[in-house]
Amino acid sequence: MTYWTAFGSHGSPHLLSVLRIVTAFLFMAHGTAKLFGFPVASGPHALLSLAGIAGMLEFVGGMFVLVGLFTRPVAFVLSGLMAVAYFLAHAPRGFWPIENRGELAALYCFVFLYLAAAGAGPWSLDALWRRDKTTKASASA
């Protein structure tokens, strides 16, 4: 077994958790910017506006994904949010993502879609909850 094969088989689950955590942390900054004007001033937006709803989903959904709680359904919703953002805000500006500045929305869309399929990884509340349920079920058997 080569080094890369061993690294891939042992490191992949943990790197999935790292991808989830880093993505969520960066994503939450878009929500805080829209809702609180922090760390950059792009808000605050009215909560019931399109940008306000997007900001709430980015912030609250990002927190859920960050800690790995209900990761699959939340990531699926966030993937859809980014698809809508791409087609509403970016695609009308041009065909190519580099031209319409939509590469980040497209990347978030597909990373969240991957997380919806792959799950949160071992460093998550989802994994902790699953382990706890398994332990209780085997103890009562």
C-alpha atoms as a PDB file:
ATOM      1  CA  MET A   1       0.000   0.000   0.000  1.00  0.00           C
ATOM      2  CA  THR A   2       1.426   3.370  -0.999  1.00  0.00           C
ATOM      3  CA  TYR A   3       1.539   6.398   1.255  1.00  0.00           C
ATOM      4  CA  TRP A   4      -1.193   8.175  -0.712  1.00  0.00           C
ATOM      5  CA  THR A   5      -3.504   5.168  -0.598  1.00  0.00           C
ATOM      6  CA  ALA A   6      -3.030   4.845   3.157  1.00  0.00           C
ATOM      7  CA  PHE A   7      -3.494   8.590   3.647  1.00  0.00           C
ATOM      8  CA  GLY A   8      -6.649   8.560   1.530  1.00  0.00           C
ATOM      9  CA  SER A   9      -8.254   5.655   3.358  1.00  0.00           C
ATOM     10  CA  HIS A  10      -7.433   6.942   6.850  1.00  0.00           C
ATOM     11  CA  GLY A  11      -7.523  10.690   6.271  1.00  0.00           C
ATOM     12  CA  SER A  12     -10.604  11.068   4.059  1.00  0.00           C
ATOM     13  CA  PRO A  13     -13.266  11.049   6.799  1.00  0.00           C
ATOM     14  CA  HIS A  14     -11.388  13.634   8.835  1.00  0.00           C
ATOM     15  CA  LEU A  15     -10.699  15.812   5.803  1.00  0.00           C
ATOM     16  CA  LEU A  16     -14.435  15.707   5.076  1.00  0.00           C
ATOM     17  CA  SER A  17     -14.978  17.235   8.515  1.00  0.00           C
ATOM     18  CA  VAL A  18     -12.277  19.852   7.852  1.00  0.00           C
ATOM     19  CA  LEU A  19     -13.881  20.734   4.487  1.00  0.00           C
ATOM     20  CA  ARG A  20     -17.263  21.106   6.205  1.00  0.00           C
ATOM     21  CA  ILE A  21     -15.913  23.292   9.026  1.00  0.00           C
ATOM     22  CA  VAL A  22     -13.845  25.617   6.827  1.00  0.00           C
ATOM     23  CA  THR A  23     -16.610  25.968   4.231  1.00  0.00           C
ATOM     24  CA  ALA A  24     -19.228  26.766   6.872  1.00  0.00           C
ATOM     25  CA  PHE A  25     -16.985  29.284   8.634  1.00  0.00           C
ATOM     26  CA  LEU A  26     -16.291  31.147   5.386  1.00  0.00           C
ATOM     27  CA  PHE A  27     -19.952  30.909   4.344  1.00  0.00           C
ATOM     28  CA  MET A  28     -21.190  32.370   7.630  1.00  0.00           C
ATOM     29  CA  ALA A  29     -19.244  35.566   6.906  1.00  0.00           C
ATOM     30  CA  HIS A  30     -21.601  36.227   3.977  1.00  0.00           C
ATOM     31  CA  GLY A  31     -24.552  35.979   6.364  1.00  0.00           C
ATOM     32  CA  THR A  32     -23.009  38.200   9.045  1.00  0.00           C
ATOM     33  CA  ALA A  33     -22.136  40.785   6.390  1.00  0.00           C
ATOM     34  CA  LYS A  34     -25.747  40.867   5.191  1.00  0.00           C
ATOM     35  CA  LEU A  35     -27.317  40.814   8.657  1.00  0.00           C
ATOM     36  CA  PHE A  36     -24.885  42.773  10.830  1.00  0.00           C
ATOM     37  CA  GLY A  37     -22.522  44.572   8.452  1.00  0.00           C
ATOM     38  CA  PHE A  38     -19.622  42.529   9.866  1.00  0.00           C
ATOM     39  CA  PRO A  39     -16.799  41.851   8.900  1.00  0.00           C
ATOM     40  CA  VAL A  40     -17.558  44.057   5.893  1.00  0.00           C
ATOM     41  CA  ALA A  41     -20.469  46.399   5.457  1.00  0.00           C
ATOM     42  CA  SER A  42     -22.871  44.908   2.923  1.00  0.00           C
ATOM     43  CA  GLY A  43     -25.849  45.217   5.243  1.00  0.00           C
ATOM     44  CA  PRO A  44     -27.825  45.310   7.344  1.00  0.00           C
ATOM     45  CA  HIS A  45     -30.664  44.306   5.054  1.00  0.00           C
ATOM     46  CA  ALA A  46     -34.337  44.093   5.979  1.00  0.00           C
ATOM     47  CA  LEU A  47     -34.944  40.558   7.284  1.00  0.00           C
ATOM     48  CA  LEU A  48     -37.849  39.905   4.925  1.00  0.00           C
ATOM     49  CA  SER A  49     -35.999  41.079   1.834  1.00  0.00           C
ATOM     50  CA  LEU A  50     -34.336  38.610  -0.524  1.00  0.00           C
ATOM     51  CA  ALA A  51     -30.896  39.563   0.816  1.00  0.00           C
ATOM     52  CA  GLY A  52     -32.149  39.364   4.421  1.00  0.00           C
ATOM     53  CA  ILE A  53     -33.553  35.856   3.961  1.00  0.00           C
ATOM     54  CA  ALA A  54     -30.344  34.801   2.211  1.00  0.00           C
ATOM     55  CA  GLY A  55     -28.343  36.281   5.097  1.00  0.00           C
ATOM     56  CA  MET A  56     -30.379  34.372   7.680  1.00  0.00           C
ATOM     57  CA  LEU A  57     -29.948  31.108   5.747  1.00  0.00           C
ATOM     58  CA  GLU A  58     -26.220  31.762   5.335  1.00  0.00           C
ATOM     59  CA  PHE A  59     -25.693  32.576   8.999  1.00  0.00           C
ATOM     60  CA  VAL A  60     -27.976  30.038  10.703  1.00  0.00           C
ATOM     61  CA  GLY A  61     -27.433  27.310   8.094  1.00  0.00           C
ATOM     62  CA  GLY A  62     -23.710  27.965   8.249  1.00  0.00           C
ATOM     63  CA  MET A  63     -23.771  27.506  12.034  1.00  0.00           C
ATOM     64  CA  PHE A  64     -25.571  24.174  11.681  1.00  0.00           C
ATOM     65  CA  VAL A  65     -23.093  22.967   9.076  1.00  0.00           C
ATOM     66  CA  LEU A  66     -20.146  24.298  11.114  1.00  0.00           C
ATOM     67  CA  VAL A  67     -21.021  22.133  14.128  1.00  0.00           C
ATOM     68  CA  GLY A  68     -22.261  19.300  11.925  1.00  0.00           C
ATOM     69  CA  LEU A  69     -25.874  19.227  13.085  1.00  0.00           C
ATOM     70  CA  PHE A  70     -28.530  18.086  10.568  1.00  0.00           C
ATOM     71  CA  THR A  71     -25.770  18.497   7.980  1.00  0.00           C
ATOM     72  CA  ARG A  72     -27.370  16.626   5.085  1.00  0.00           C
ATOM     73  CA  PRO A  73     -30.708  18.491   4.910  1.00  0.00           C
ATOM     74  CA  VAL A  74     -29.188  21.878   5.791  1.00  0.00           C
ATOM     75  CA  ALA A  75     -26.423  21.486   3.206  1.00  0.00           C
ATOM     76  CA  PHE A  76     -29.038  20.535   0.606  1.00  0.00           C
ATOM     77  CA  VAL A  77     -31.002  23.730   1.335  1.00  0.00           C
ATOM     78  CA  LEU A  78     -27.810  25.821   1.207  1.00  0.00           C
ATOM     79  CA  SER A  79     -26.848  24.206  -2.100  1.00  0.00           C
ATOM     80  CA  GLY A  80     -30.215  25.271  -3.488  1.00  0.00           C
ATOM     81  CA  LEU A  81     -29.753  28.765  -2.072  1.00  0.00           C
ATOM     82  CA  MET A  82     -26.452  29.091  -3.910  1.00  0.00           C
ATOM     83  CA  ALA A  83     -27.957  27.774  -7.150  1.00  0.00           C
ATOM     84  CA  VAL A  84     -30.715  30.395  -6.897  1.00  0.00           C
ATOM     85  CA  ALA A  85     -28.141  33.084  -6.066  1.00  0.00           C
ATOM     86  CA  TYR A  86     -26.093  32.113  -9.102  1.00  0.00           C
ATOM     87  CA  PHE A  87     -28.998  32.199 -11.538  1.00  0.00           C
ATOM     88  CA  LEU A  88     -30.649  35.331 -10.102  1.00  0.00           C
ATOM     89  CA  ALA A  89     -27.627  37.499  -9.339  1.00  0.00           C
ATOM     90  CA  HIS A  90     -24.763  36.238 -11.479  1.00  0.00           C
ATOM     91  CA  ALA A  91     -25.945  34.492 -14.657  1.00  0.00           C
ATOM     92  CA  PRO A  92     -27.698  37.614 -16.024  1.00  0.00           C
ATOM     93  CA  ARG A  93     -24.296  39.380 -16.050  1.00  0.00           C
ATOM     94  CA  GLY A  94     -22.757  36.930 -18.511  1.00  0.00           C
ATOM     95  CA  PHE A  95     -22.288  33.252 -19.375  1.00  0.00           C
ATOM     96  CA  TRP A  96     -18.900  32.494 -17.803  1.00  0.00           C
ATOM     97  CA  PRO A  97     -18.637  32.418 -13.996  1.00  0.00           C
ATOM     98  CA  ILE A  98     -15.358  34.344 -14.081  1.00  0.00           C
ATOM     99  CA  GLU A  99     -17.126  37.037 -16.105  1.00  0.00           C
ATOM    100  CA  ASN A 100     -20.276  37.239 -13.960  1.00  0.00           C
ATOM    101  CA  ARG A 101     -18.372  36.864 -10.647  1.00  0.00           C
ATOM    102  CA  GLY A 102     -20.411  33.782  -9.785  1.00  0.00           C
ATOM    103  CA  GLU A 103     -17.583  31.297  -9.257  1.00  0.00           C
ATOM    104  CA  LEU A 104     -17.932  31.427  -5.456  1.00  0.00           C
ATOM    105  CA  ALA A 105     -21.693  30.815  -5.592  1.00  0.00           C
ATOM    106  CA  ALA A 106     -21.145  27.887  -7.969  1.00  0.00           C
ATOM    107  CA  LEU A 107     -18.399  26.434  -5.787  1.00  0.00           C
ATOM    108  CA  TYR A 108     -20.483  26.751  -2.599  1.00  0.00           C
ATOM    109  CA  CYS A 109     -23.411  25.152  -4.438  1.00  0.00           C
ATOM    110  CA  PHE A 110     -21.423  22.042  -5.313  1.00  0.00           C
ATOM    111  CA  VAL A 111     -19.539  21.778  -2.003  1.00  0.00           C
ATOM    112  CA  PHE A 112     -22.860  21.882  -0.136  1.00  0.00           C
ATOM    113  CA  LEU A 113     -24.331  19.368  -2.564  1.00  0.00           C
ATOM    114  CA  TYR A 114     -21.372  17.090  -1.814  1.00  0.00           C
ATOM    115  CA  LEU A 115     -21.889  17.532   1.947  1.00  0.00           C
ATOM    116  CA  ALA A 116     -25.583  16.709   1.512  1.00  0.00           C
ATOM    117  CA  ALA A 117     -24.550  13.410  -0.066  1.00  0.00           C
ATOM    118  CA  ALA A 118     -21.456  12.594   2.024  1.00  0.00           C
ATOM    119  CA  GLY A 119     -22.612  13.793   5.442  1.00  0.00           C
ATOM    120  CA  ALA A 120     -20.736  15.674   8.126  1.00  0.00           C
ATOM    121  CA  GLY A 121     -17.791  13.396   8.790  1.00  0.00           C
ATOM    122  CA  PRO A 122     -16.569  12.065  12.133  1.00  0.00           C
ATOM    123  CA  TRP A 123     -15.970  15.424  13.832  1.00  0.00           C
ATOM    124  CA  SER A 124     -19.610  16.503  14.049  1.00  0.00           C
ATOM    125  CA  LEU A 125     -22.638  16.525  16.299  1.00  0.00           C
ATOM    126  CA  ASP A 126     -24.342  14.238  13.768  1.00  0.00           C
ATOM    127  CA  ALA A 127     -21.628  11.601  14.290  1.00  0.00           C
ATOM    128  CA  LEU A 128     -21.718  12.082  18.066  1.00  0.00           C
ATOM    129  CA  TRP A 129     -25.489  11.689  18.102  1.00  0.00           C
ATOM    130  CA  ARG A 130     -25.288   8.583  15.907  1.00  0.00           C
ATOM    131  CA  ARG A 131     -22.608   7.037  18.174  1.00  0.00           C
ATOM    132  CA  ASP A 132     -24.703   7.814  21.259  1.00  0.00           C
ATOM    133  CA  LYS A 133     -27.823   6.188  19.756  1.00  0.00           C
ATOM    134  CA  THR A 134     -25.787   3.125  18.748  1.00  0.00           C
ATOM    135  CA  THR A 135     -24.278   2.828  22.228  1.00  0.00           C
ATOM    136  CA  LYS A 136     -27.686   3.096  23.931  1.00  0.00           C
ATOM    137  CA  ALA A 137     -29.222   0.535  21.555  1.00  0.00           C
ATOM    138  CA  SER A 138     -26.443  -1.986  22.157  1.00  0.00           C
ATOM    139  CA  ALA A 139     -26.569  -1.424  25.944  1.00  0.00           C
ATOM    140  CA  SER A 140     -30.312  -2.132  26.085  1.00  0.00           C
ATOM    141  CA  ALA A 141     -30.017  -5.298  23.959  1.00  0.00           C
END
